[in-house]
Amino acid sequence: MKTLALLAVATLALPFAAAAQPARGYSAVPATAPTVATMMTRSTPWKCAGDRCVTNRTEGSPLTMCQLAAKELGTLTAFTANGAAFPDEQLAKCNTRAKSA
């Protein structure tokens, strides 16, 4: 019975953990925590909570999506595309489009 209860809790928690950093889609972590709950970049809706904004959309090039997020959020400290973190050199290219503080 205890095992069944733990399994039920784990099953319920899984969607929430996935929402924090999607395996498919994009995740942007700005240097300053987002102050908005949602944002749009072109036609891509993002949801923001805690220290990041995420979208499950997979269209577009990862660099372009990163630059669009940086344009709205400012300098990013991390960006993930389909579960893969951007290396430092890609993040630097992305941040060339970051909005000024």
PDB file of N, CA and C in Angstrom:
ATOM      1  N   MET A   1       0.823  -1.184   0.000  1.00  0.00           N
ATOM      2  CA  MET A   1       0.000   0.000   0.000  1.00  0.00           C
ATOM      3  C   MET A   1       0.872   1.253   0.000  1.00  0.00           C
ATOM      4  N   LYS A   2       1.939   1.226   0.807  1.00  0.00           N
ATOM      5  CA  LYS A   2       2.848   2.366   0.879  1.00  0.00           C
ATOM      6  C   LYS A   2       3.526   2.600  -0.476  1.00  0.00           C
ATOM      7  N   THR A   3       3.904   1.528  -1.141  1.00  0.00           N
ATOM      8  CA  THR A   3       4.524   1.630  -2.458  1.00  0.00           C
ATOM      9  C   THR A   3       3.555   2.230  -3.462  1.00  0.00           C
ATOM     10  N   LEU A   4       2.303   1.831  -3.407  1.00  0.00           N
ATOM     11  CA  LEU A   4       1.285   2.359  -4.308  1.00  0.00           C
ATOM     12  C   LEU A   4       1.090   3.852  -4.081  1.00  0.00           C
ATOM     13  N   ALA A   5       1.096   4.288  -2.836  1.00  0.00           N
ATOM     14  CA  ALA A   5       0.945   5.714  -2.523  1.00  0.00           C
ATOM     15  C   ALA A   5       2.133   6.510  -3.056  1.00  0.00           C
ATOM     16  N   LEU A   6       3.340   5.986  -2.895  1.00  0.00           N
ATOM     17  CA  LEU A   6       4.523   6.666  -3.408  1.00  0.00           C
ATOM     18  C   LEU A   6       4.501   6.744  -4.924  1.00  0.00           C
ATOM     19  N   LEU A   7       4.059   5.687  -5.568  1.00  0.00           N
ATOM     20  CA  LEU A   7       3.949   5.672  -7.021  1.00  0.00           C
ATOM     21  C   LEU A   7       2.949   6.705  -7.495  1.00  0.00           C
ATOM     22  N   ALA A   8       1.841   6.839  -6.813  1.00  0.00           N
ATOM     23  CA  ALA A   8       0.818   7.821  -7.172  1.00  0.00           C
ATOM     24  C   ALA A   8       1.364   9.239  -7.040  1.00  0.00           C
ATOM     25  N   VAL A   9       2.081   9.526  -5.970  1.00  0.00           N
ATOM     26  CA  VAL A   9       2.664  10.853  -5.765  1.00  0.00           C
ATOM     27  C   VAL A   9       3.696  11.144  -6.854  1.00  0.00           C
ATOM     28  N   ALA A  10       4.543  10.176  -7.168  1.00  0.00           N
ATOM     29  CA  ALA A  10       5.558  10.358  -8.201  1.00  0.00           C
ATOM     30  C   ALA A  10       4.915  10.602  -9.556  1.00  0.00           C
ATOM     31  N   THR A  11       3.840   9.905  -9.852  1.00  0.00           N
ATOM     32  CA  THR A  11       3.145  10.068 -11.121  1.00  0.00           C
ATOM     33  C   THR A  11       2.535  11.462 -11.222  1.00  0.00           C
ATOM     34  N   LEU A  12       1.992  11.954 -10.142  1.00  0.00           N
ATOM     35  CA  LEU A  12       1.407  13.296 -10.139  1.00  0.00           C
ATOM     36  C   LEU A  12       2.476  14.374 -10.228  1.00  0.00           C
ATOM     37  N   ALA A  13       3.621  14.148  -9.644  1.00  0.00           N
ATOM     38  CA  ALA A  13       4.682  15.152  -9.637  1.00  0.00           C
ATOM     39  C   ALA A  13       5.398  15.240 -10.977  1.00  0.00           C
ATOM     40  N   LEU A  14       5.396  14.184 -11.768  1.00  0.00           N
ATOM     41  CA  LEU A  14       6.120  14.153 -13.029  1.00  0.00           C
ATOM     42  C   LEU A  14       5.746  15.293 -13.968  1.00  0.00           C
ATOM     43  N   PRO A  15       4.469  15.585 -14.224  1.00  0.00           N
ATOM     44  CA  PRO A  15       4.161  16.687 -15.131  1.00  0.00           C
ATOM     45  C   PRO A  15       4.688  18.032 -14.634  1.00  0.00           C
ATOM     46  N   PHE A  16       4.711  18.246 -13.316  1.00  0.00           N
ATOM     47  CA  PHE A  16       5.203  19.501 -12.785  1.00  0.00           C
ATOM     48  C   PHE A  16       6.705  19.624 -12.961  1.00  0.00           C
ATOM     49  N   ALA A  17       7.426  18.556 -12.788  1.00  0.00           N
ATOM     50  CA  ALA A  17       8.872  18.574 -12.996  1.00  0.00           C
ATOM     51  C   ALA A  17       9.184  18.825 -14.464  1.00  0.00           C
ATOM     52  N   ALA A  18       8.410  18.224 -15.347  1.00  0.00           N
ATOM     53  CA  ALA A  18       8.614  18.415 -16.783  1.00  0.00           C
ATOM     54  C   ALA A  18       8.342  19.849 -17.188  1.00  0.00           C
ATOM     55  N   ALA A  19       7.418  20.524 -16.519  1.00  0.00           N
ATOM     56  CA  ALA A  19       7.103  21.903 -16.848  1.00  0.00           C
ATOM     57  C   ALA A  19       8.261  22.831 -16.519  1.00  0.00           C
ATOM     58  N   ALA A  20       9.092  22.461 -15.562  1.00  0.00           N
ATOM     59  CA  ALA A  20      10.198  23.317 -15.168  1.00  0.00           C
ATOM     60  C   ALA A  20      11.241  23.422 -16.271  1.00  0.00           C
ATOM     61  N   GLN A  21      11.523  22.346 -16.938  1.00  0.00           N
ATOM     62  CA  GLN A  21      12.493  22.360 -18.028  1.00  0.00           C
ATOM     63  C   GLN A  21      12.094  21.287 -19.030  1.00  0.00           C
ATOM     64  N   PRO A  22      11.445  21.696 -20.106  1.00  0.00           N
ATOM     65  CA  PRO A  22      10.911  20.708 -21.038  1.00  0.00           C
ATOM     66  C   PRO A  22      12.009  19.946 -21.783  1.00  0.00           C
ATOM     67  N   ALA A  23      11.740  18.671 -22.061  1.00  0.00           N
ATOM     68  CA  ALA A  23      12.662  17.882 -22.883  1.00  0.00           C
ATOM     69  C   ALA A  23      12.518  18.301 -24.348  1.00  0.00           C
ATOM     70  N   ARG A  24      11.301  18.708 -24.714  1.00  0.00           N
ATOM     71  CA  ARG A  24      11.042  19.243 -26.055  1.00  0.00           C
ATOM     72  C   ARG A  24      10.680  20.706 -25.890  1.00  0.00           C
ATOM     73  N   GLY A  25      11.274  21.527 -26.688  1.00  0.00           N
ATOM     74  CA  GLY A  25      10.999  22.946 -26.591  1.00  0.00           C
ATOM     75  C   GLY A  25      12.207  23.692 -26.058  1.00  0.00           C
ATOM     76  N   TYR A  26      11.940  24.866 -25.508  1.00  0.00           N
ATOM     77  CA  TYR A  26      13.015  25.750 -25.090  1.00  0.00           C
ATOM     78  C   TYR A  26      12.824  26.228 -23.657  1.00  0.00           C
ATOM     79  N   SER A  27      13.928  26.488 -22.987  1.00  0.00           N
ATOM     80  CA  SER A  27      13.929  27.020 -21.629  1.00  0.00           C
ATOM     81  C   SER A  27      14.981  28.128 -21.565  1.00  0.00           C
ATOM     82  N   ALA A  28      14.582  29.297 -21.075  1.00  0.00           N
ATOM     83  CA  ALA A  28      15.484  30.442 -20.964  1.00  0.00           C
ATOM     84  C   ALA A  28      15.562  30.888 -19.510  1.00  0.00           C
ATOM     85  N   VAL A  29      16.787  31.067 -19.011  1.00  0.00           N
ATOM     86  CA  VAL A  29      17.002  31.535 -17.639  1.00  0.00           C
ATOM     87  C   VAL A  29      17.693  32.891 -17.718  1.00  0.00           C
ATOM     88  N   PRO A  30      16.948  33.977 -17.449  1.00  0.00           N
ATOM     89  CA  PRO A  30      17.566  35.302 -17.481  1.00  0.00           C
ATOM     90  C   PRO A  30      18.376  35.581 -16.215  1.00  0.00           C
ATOM     91  N   ALA A  31      19.294  36.534 -16.313  1.00  0.00           N
ATOM     92  CA  ALA A  31      20.124  36.915 -15.171  1.00  0.00           C
ATOM     93  C   ALA A  31      19.270  37.452 -14.028  1.00  0.00           C
ATOM     94  N   THR A  32      18.178  38.117 -14.375  1.00  0.00           N
ATOM     95  CA  THR A  32      17.223  38.614 -13.391  1.00  0.00           C
ATOM     96  C   THR A  32      15.933  37.834 -13.572  1.00  0.00           C
ATOM     97  N   ALA A  33      15.387  37.299 -12.482  1.00  0.00           N
ATOM     98  CA  ALA A  33      14.165  36.480 -12.566  1.00  0.00           C
ATOM     99  C   ALA A  33      13.073  37.227 -13.327  1.00  0.00           C
ATOM    100  N   PRO A  34      12.345  36.531 -14.178  1.00  0.00           N
ATOM    101  CA  PRO A  34      11.283  37.176 -14.944  1.00  0.00           C
ATOM    102  C   PRO A  34      10.199  37.756 -14.033  1.00  0.00           C
ATOM    103  N   THR A  35       9.680  38.891 -14.434  1.00  0.00           N
ATOM    104  CA  THR A  35       8.621  39.546 -13.659  1.00  0.00           C
ATOM    105  C   THR A  35       7.258  39.361 -14.315  1.00  0.00           C
ATOM    106  N   VAL A  36       7.215  38.617 -15.402  1.00  0.00           N
ATOM    107  CA  VAL A  36       5.963  38.353 -16.115  1.00  0.00           C
ATOM    108  C   VAL A  36       5.619  36.874 -16.009  1.00  0.00           C
ATOM    109  N   ALA A  37       4.334  36.551 -16.106  1.00  0.00           N
ATOM    110  CA  ALA A  37       3.898  35.154 -16.075  1.00  0.00           C
ATOM    111  C   ALA A  37       3.915  34.540 -17.468  1.00  0.00           C
ATOM    112  N   THR A  38       3.748  35.380 -18.480  1.00  0.00           N
ATOM    113  CA  THR A  38       3.766  34.919 -19.871  1.00  0.00           C
ATOM    114  C   THR A  38       4.436  35.976 -20.734  1.00  0.00           C
ATOM    115  N   MET A  39       4.922  35.549 -21.891  1.00  0.00           N
ATOM    116  CA  MET A  39       5.460  36.481 -22.881  1.00  0.00           C
ATOM    117  C   MET A  39       5.316  35.845 -24.254  1.00  0.00           C
ATOM    118  N   MET A  40       5.395  36.675 -25.288  1.00  0.00           N
ATOM    119  CA  MET A  40       5.335  36.203 -26.670  1.00  0.00           C
ATOM    120  C   MET A  40       6.597  36.645 -27.391  1.00  0.00           C
ATOM    121  N   THR A  41       7.190  35.746 -28.159  1.00  0.00           N
ATOM    122  CA  THR A  41       8.269  36.098 -29.072  1.00  0.00           C
ATOM    123  C   THR A  41       7.779  35.687 -30.449  1.00  0.00           C
ATOM    124  N   ARG A  42       7.588  36.661 -31.302  1.00  0.00           N
ATOM    125  CA  ARG A  42       6.925  36.439 -32.591  1.00  0.00           C
ATOM    126  C   ARG A  42       5.609  35.717 -32.312  1.00  0.00           C
ATOM    127  N   SER A  43       5.458  34.493 -32.742  1.00  0.00           N
ATOM    128  CA  SER A  43       4.200  33.767 -32.494  1.00  0.00           C
ATOM    129  C   SER A  43       4.368  32.642 -31.477  1.00  0.00           C
ATOM    130  N   THR A  44       5.412  32.715 -30.668  1.00  0.00           N
ATOM    131  CA  THR A  44       5.689  31.665 -29.688  1.00  0.00           C
ATOM    132  C   THR A  44       5.309  32.130 -28.286  1.00  0.00           C
ATOM    133  N   PRO A  45       4.356  31.434 -27.657  1.00  0.00           N
ATOM    134  CA  PRO A  45       4.009  31.778 -26.270  1.00  0.00           C
ATOM    135  C   PRO A  45       4.971  31.093 -25.298  1.00  0.00           C
ATOM    136  N   TRP A  46       5.376  31.830 -24.270  1.00  0.00           N
ATOM    137  CA  TRP A  46       6.255  31.332 -23.218  1.00  0.00           C
ATOM    138  C   TRP A  46       5.529  31.471 -21.892  1.00  0.00           C
ATOM    139  N   LYS A  47       5.787  30.546 -20.975  1.00  0.00           N
ATOM    140  CA  LYS A  47       5.286  30.636 -19.606  1.00  0.00           C
ATOM    141  C   LYS A  47       6.488  30.826 -18.688  1.00  0.00           C
ATOM    142  N   CYS A  48       6.364  31.777 -17.785  1.00  0.00           N
ATOM    143  CA  CYS A  48       7.470  32.090 -16.879  1.00  0.00           C
ATOM    144  C   CYS A  48       7.065  31.790 -15.440  1.00  0.00           C
ATOM    145  N   ALA A  49       7.969  31.179 -14.708  1.00  0.00           N
ATOM    146  CA  ALA A  49       7.769  30.888 -13.286  1.00  0.00           C
ATOM    147  C   ALA A  49       9.136  30.702 -12.654  1.00  0.00           C
ATOM    148  N   GLY A  50       9.274  31.180 -11.441  1.00  0.00           N
ATOM    149  CA  GLY A  50      10.557  31.043 -10.755  1.00  0.00           C
ATOM    150  C   GLY A  50      11.633  31.815 -11.481  1.00  0.00           C
ATOM    151  N   ASP A  51      12.689  31.119 -11.889  1.00  0.00           N
ATOM    152  CA  ASP A  51      13.826  31.786 -12.519  1.00  0.00           C
ATOM    153  C   ASP A  51      13.877  31.627 -14.028  1.00  0.00           C
ATOM    154  N   ARG A  52      12.826  31.020 -14.637  1.00  0.00           N
ATOM    155  CA  ARG A  52      12.925  30.718 -16.067  1.00  0.00           C
ATOM    156  C   ARG A  52      11.614  30.907 -16.803  1.00  0.00           C
ATOM    157  N   CYS A  53      11.726  30.934 -18.133  1.00  0.00           N
ATOM    158  CA  CYS A  53      10.572  30.926 -19.028  1.00  0.00           C
ATOM    159  C   CYS A  53      10.738  29.719 -19.947  1.00  0.00           C
ATOM    160  N   VAL A  54       9.620  29.032 -20.231  1.00  0.00           N
ATOM    161  CA  VAL A  54       9.669  27.833 -21.066  1.00  0.00           C
ATOM    162  C   VAL A  54       8.577  27.876 -22.128  1.00  0.00           C
ATOM    163  N   THR A  55       8.825  27.179 -23.219  1.00  0.00           N
ATOM    164  CA  THR A  55       7.831  26.954 -24.248  1.00  0.00           C
ATOM    165  C   THR A  55       8.005  25.540 -24.774  1.00  0.00           C
ATOM    166  N   ASN A  56       6.905  24.915 -25.154  1.00  0.00           N
ATOM    167  CA  ASN A  56       7.009  23.561 -25.709  1.00  0.00           C
ATOM    168  C   ASN A  56       7.095  23.591 -27.228  1.00  0.00           C
ATOM    169  N   ARG A  57       7.098  24.760 -27.817  1.00  0.00           N
ATOM    170  CA  ARG A  57       7.254  24.871 -29.266  1.00  0.00           C
ATOM    171  C   ARG A  57       8.648  24.408 -29.658  1.00  0.00           C
ATOM    172  N   THR A  58       8.756  23.813 -30.836  1.00  0.00           N
ATOM    173  CA  THR A  58      10.061  23.336 -31.300  1.00  0.00           C
ATOM    174  C   THR A  58      10.435  23.947 -32.645  1.00  0.00           C
ATOM    175  N   GLU A  59       9.571  24.813 -33.187  1.00  0.00           N
ATOM    176  CA  GLU A  59       9.874  25.429 -34.473  1.00  0.00           C
ATOM    177  C   GLU A  59      10.989  26.450 -34.321  1.00  0.00           C
ATOM    178  N   GLY A  60      11.632  26.745 -35.434  1.00  0.00           N
ATOM    179  CA  GLY A  60      12.666  27.770 -35.450  1.00  0.00           C
ATOM    180  C   GLY A  60      14.018  27.230 -35.036  1.00  0.00           C
ATOM    181  N   SER A  61      15.038  27.998 -35.387  1.00  0.00           N
ATOM    182  CA  SER A  61      16.378  27.572 -35.000  1.00  0.00           C
ATOM    183  C   SER A  61      16.591  27.876 -33.524  1.00  0.00           C
ATOM    184  N   PRO A  62      17.313  27.023 -32.821  1.00  0.00           N
ATOM    185  CA  PRO A  62      17.560  27.267 -31.399  1.00  0.00           C
ATOM    186  C   PRO A  62      18.230  28.623 -31.139  1.00  0.00           C
ATOM    187  N   LEU A  63      19.186  29.028 -31.985  1.00  0.00           N
ATOM    188  CA  LEU A  63      19.853  30.309 -31.775  1.00  0.00           C
ATOM    189  C   LEU A  63      18.865  31.463 -31.923  1.00  0.00           C
ATOM    190  N   THR A  64      18.012  31.394 -32.925  1.00  0.00           N
ATOM    191  CA  THR A  64      17.016  32.449 -33.112  1.00  0.00           C
ATOM    192  C   THR A  64      16.065  32.505 -31.933  1.00  0.00           C
ATOM    193  N   MET A  65      15.605  31.350 -31.456  1.00  0.00           N
ATOM    194  CA  MET A  65      14.698  31.327 -30.306  1.00  0.00           C
ATOM    195  C   MET A  65      15.385  31.898 -29.066  1.00  0.00           C
ATOM    196  N   CYS A  66      16.650  31.585 -28.881  1.00  0.00           N
ATOM    197  CA  CYS A  66      17.407  32.113 -27.754  1.00  0.00           C
ATOM    198  C   CYS A  66      17.516  33.638 -27.864  1.00  0.00           C
ATOM    199  N   GLN A  67      17.837  34.131 -29.048  1.00  0.00           N
ATOM    200  CA  GLN A  67      17.971  35.575 -29.244  1.00  0.00           C
ATOM    201  C   GLN A  67      16.646  36.296 -29.024  1.00  0.00           C
ATOM    202  N   LEU A  68      15.553  35.706 -29.460  1.00  0.00           N
ATOM    203  CA  LEU A  68      14.237  36.314 -29.236  1.00  0.00           C
ATOM    204  C   LEU A  68      13.910  36.372 -27.743  1.00  0.00           C
ATOM    205  N   ALA A  69      14.253  35.321 -27.019  1.00  0.00           N
ATOM    206  CA  ALA A  69      14.018  35.316 -25.571  1.00  0.00           C
ATOM    207  C   ALA A  69      14.893  36.365 -24.892  1.00  0.00           C
ATOM    208  N   ALA A  70      16.152  36.463 -25.294  1.00  0.00           N
ATOM    209  CA  ALA A  70      17.069  37.449 -24.707  1.00  0.00           C
ATOM    210  C   ALA A  70      16.602  38.869 -25.010  1.00  0.00           C
ATOM    211  N   LYS A  71      16.038  39.061 -26.185  1.00  0.00           N
ATOM    212  CA  LYS A  71      15.531  40.387 -26.554  1.00  0.00           C
ATOM    213  C   LYS A  71      14.424  40.829 -25.599  1.00  0.00           C
ATOM    214  N   GLU A  72      13.619  39.874 -25.134  1.00  0.00           N
ATOM    215  CA  GLU A  72      12.519  40.180 -24.214  1.00  0.00           C
ATOM    216  C   GLU A  72      12.941  40.174 -22.752  1.00  0.00           C
ATOM    217  N   LEU A  73      13.833  39.255 -22.377  1.00  0.00           N
ATOM    218  CA  LEU A  73      14.169  39.028 -20.973  1.00  0.00           C
ATOM    219  C   LEU A  73      15.466  39.685 -20.513  1.00  0.00           C
ATOM    220  N   GLY A  74      16.325  40.045 -21.438  1.00  0.00           N
ATOM    221  CA  GLY A  74      17.650  40.539 -21.075  1.00  0.00           C
ATOM    222  C   GLY A  74      18.661  39.397 -21.123  1.00  0.00           C
ATOM    223  N   THR A  75      19.835  39.634 -20.616  1.00  0.00           N
ATOM    224  CA  THR A  75      20.913  38.649 -20.656  1.00  0.00           C
ATOM    225  C   THR A  75      20.475  37.324 -20.032  1.00  0.00           C
ATOM    226  N   LEU A  76      20.761  36.244 -20.754  1.00  0.00           N
ATOM    227  CA  LEU A  76      20.423  34.905 -20.268  1.00  0.00           C
ATOM    228  C   LEU A  76      21.654  34.246 -19.667  1.00  0.00           C
ATOM    229  N   THR A  77      21.455  33.543 -18.566  1.00  0.00           N
ATOM    230  CA  THR A  77      22.553  32.784 -17.954  1.00  0.00           C
ATOM    231  C   THR A  77      22.535  31.337 -18.410  1.00  0.00           C
ATOM    232  N   ALA A  78      21.402  30.896 -18.982  1.00  0.00           N
ATOM    233  CA  ALA A  78      21.288  29.528 -19.504  1.00  0.00           C
ATOM    234  C   ALA A  78      20.168  29.491 -20.527  1.00  0.00           C
ATOM    235  N   PHE A  79      20.323  28.604 -21.512  1.00  0.00           N
ATOM    236  CA  PHE A  79      19.288  28.364 -22.505  1.00  0.00           C
ATOM    237  C   PHE A  79      19.363  26.907 -22.891  1.00  0.00           C
ATOM    238  N   THR A  80      18.203  26.258 -22.942  1.00  0.00           N
ATOM    239  CA  THR A  80      18.128  24.841 -23.285  1.00  0.00           C
ATOM    240  C   THR A  80      17.216  24.665 -24.488  1.00  0.00           C
ATOM    241  N   ALA A  81      17.668  23.887 -25.469  1.00  0.00           N
ATOM    242  CA  ALA A  81      16.888  23.588 -26.670  1.00  0.00           C
ATOM    243  C   ALA A  81      16.689  22.083 -26.749  1.00  0.00           C
ATOM    244  N   ASN A  82      15.438  21.650 -26.638  1.00  0.00           N
ATOM    245  CA  ASN A  82      15.094  20.233 -26.705  1.00  0.00           C
ATOM    246  C   ASN A  82      15.936  19.378 -25.759  1.00  0.00           C
ATOM    247  N   GLY A  83      16.118  19.876 -24.542  1.00  0.00           N
ATOM    248  CA  GLY A  83      16.822  19.130 -23.504  1.00  0.00           C
ATOM    249  C   GLY A  83      18.328  19.306 -23.492  1.00  0.00           C
ATOM    250  N   ALA A  84      18.894  20.004 -24.478  1.00  0.00           N
ATOM    251  CA  ALA A  84      20.340  20.196 -24.546  1.00  0.00           C
ATOM    252  C   ALA A  84      20.695  21.642 -24.198  1.00  0.00           C
ATOM    253  N   ALA A  85      21.559  21.814 -23.197  1.00  0.00           N
ATOM    254  CA  ALA A  85      21.983  23.149 -22.788  1.00  0.00           C
ATOM    255  C   ALA A  85      22.899  23.760 -23.835  1.00  0.00           C
ATOM    256  N   PHE A  86      22.735  25.064 -24.049  1.00  0.00           N
ATOM    257  CA  PHE A  86      23.620  25.787 -24.957  1.00  0.00           C
ATOM    258  C   PHE A  86      25.016  25.849 -24.357  1.00  0.00           C
ATOM    259  N   PRO A  87      26.047  25.586 -25.169  1.00  0.00           N
ATOM    260  CA  PRO A  87      27.416  25.801 -24.697  1.00  0.00           C
ATOM    261  C   PRO A  87      27.673  27.312 -24.553  1.00  0.00           C
ATOM    262  N   ASP A  88      28.710  27.674 -23.816  1.00  0.00           N
ATOM    263  CA  ASP A  88      29.020  29.078 -23.534  1.00  0.00           C
ATOM    264  C   ASP A  88      29.113  29.936 -24.790  1.00  0.00           C
ATOM    265  N   GLU A  89      29.742  29.416 -25.851  1.00  0.00           N
ATOM    266  CA  GLU A  89      29.913  30.234 -27.061  1.00  0.00           C
ATOM    267  C   GLU A  89      28.566  30.513 -27.746  1.00  0.00           C
ATOM    268  N   GLN A  90      27.653  29.548 -27.732  1.00  0.00           N
ATOM    269  CA  GLN A  90      26.321  29.776 -28.295  1.00  0.00           C
ATOM    270  C   GLN A  90      25.528  30.763 -27.435  1.00  0.00           C
ATOM    271  N   LEU A  91      25.653  30.655 -26.123  1.00  0.00           N
ATOM    272  CA  LEU A  91      24.969  31.565 -25.215  1.00  0.00           C
ATOM    273  C   LEU A  91      25.481  32.992 -25.414  1.00  0.00           C
ATOM    274  N   ALA A  92      26.771  33.143 -25.659  1.00  0.00           N
ATOM    275  CA  ALA A  92      27.341  34.469 -25.920  1.00  0.00           C
ATOM    276  C   ALA A  92      26.754  35.066 -27.197  1.00  0.00           C
ATOM    277  N   LYS A  93      26.608  34.257 -28.259  1.00  0.00           N
ATOM    278  CA  LYS A  93      25.982  34.727 -29.503  1.00  0.00           C
ATOM    279  C   LYS A  93      24.539  35.134 -29.244  1.00  0.00           C
ATOM    280  N   CYS A  94      23.863  34.345 -28.464  1.00  0.00           N
ATOM    281  CA  CYS A  94      22.471  34.619 -28.118  1.00  0.00           C
ATOM    282  C   CYS A  94      22.346  35.964 -27.418  1.00  0.00           C
ATOM    283  N   ASN A  95      23.198  36.218 -26.462  1.00  0.00           N
ATOM    284  CA  ASN A  95      23.122  37.422 -25.652  1.00  0.00           C
ATOM    285  C   ASN A  95      23.492  38.706 -26.384  1.00  0.00           C
ATOM    286  N   THR A  96      23.969  38.593 -27.624  1.00  0.00           N
ATOM    287  CA  THR A  96      24.216  39.811 -28.396  1.00  0.00           C
ATOM    288  C   THR A  96      22.920  40.551 -28.685  1.00  0.00           C
ATOM    289  N   ARG A  97      21.801  39.861 -28.589  1.00  0.00           N
ATOM    290  CA  ARG A  97      20.477  40.466 -28.821  1.00  0.00           C
ATOM    291  C   ARG A  97      19.741  40.811 -27.528  1.00  0.00           C
ATOM    292  N   ALA A  98      20.403  40.659 -26.389  1.00  0.00           N
ATOM    293  CA  ALA A  98      19.742  40.907 -25.095  1.00  0.00           C
ATOM    294  C   ALA A  98      19.359  42.373 -24.972  1.00  0.00           C
ATOM    295  N   LYS A  99      18.157  42.584 -24.404  1.00  0.00           N
ATOM    296  CA  LYS A  99      17.716  43.966 -24.166  1.00  0.00           C
ATOM    297  C   LYS A  99      18.594  44.591 -23.103  1.00  0.00           C
ATOM    298  N   SER A 100      18.718  45.888 -23.172  1.00  0.00           N
ATOM    299  CA  SER A 100      19.509  46.601 -22.165  1.00  0.00           C
ATOM    300  C   SER A 100      18.724  46.687 -20.879  1.00  0.00           C
ATOM    301  N   ALA A 101      19.437  46.679 -19.768  1.00  0.00           N
ATOM    302  CA  ALA A 101      18.791  46.740 -18.453  1.00  0.00           C
ATOM    303  C   ALA A 101      18.216  48.115 -18.174  1.00  0.00           C
TER     304      ALA A 101
END
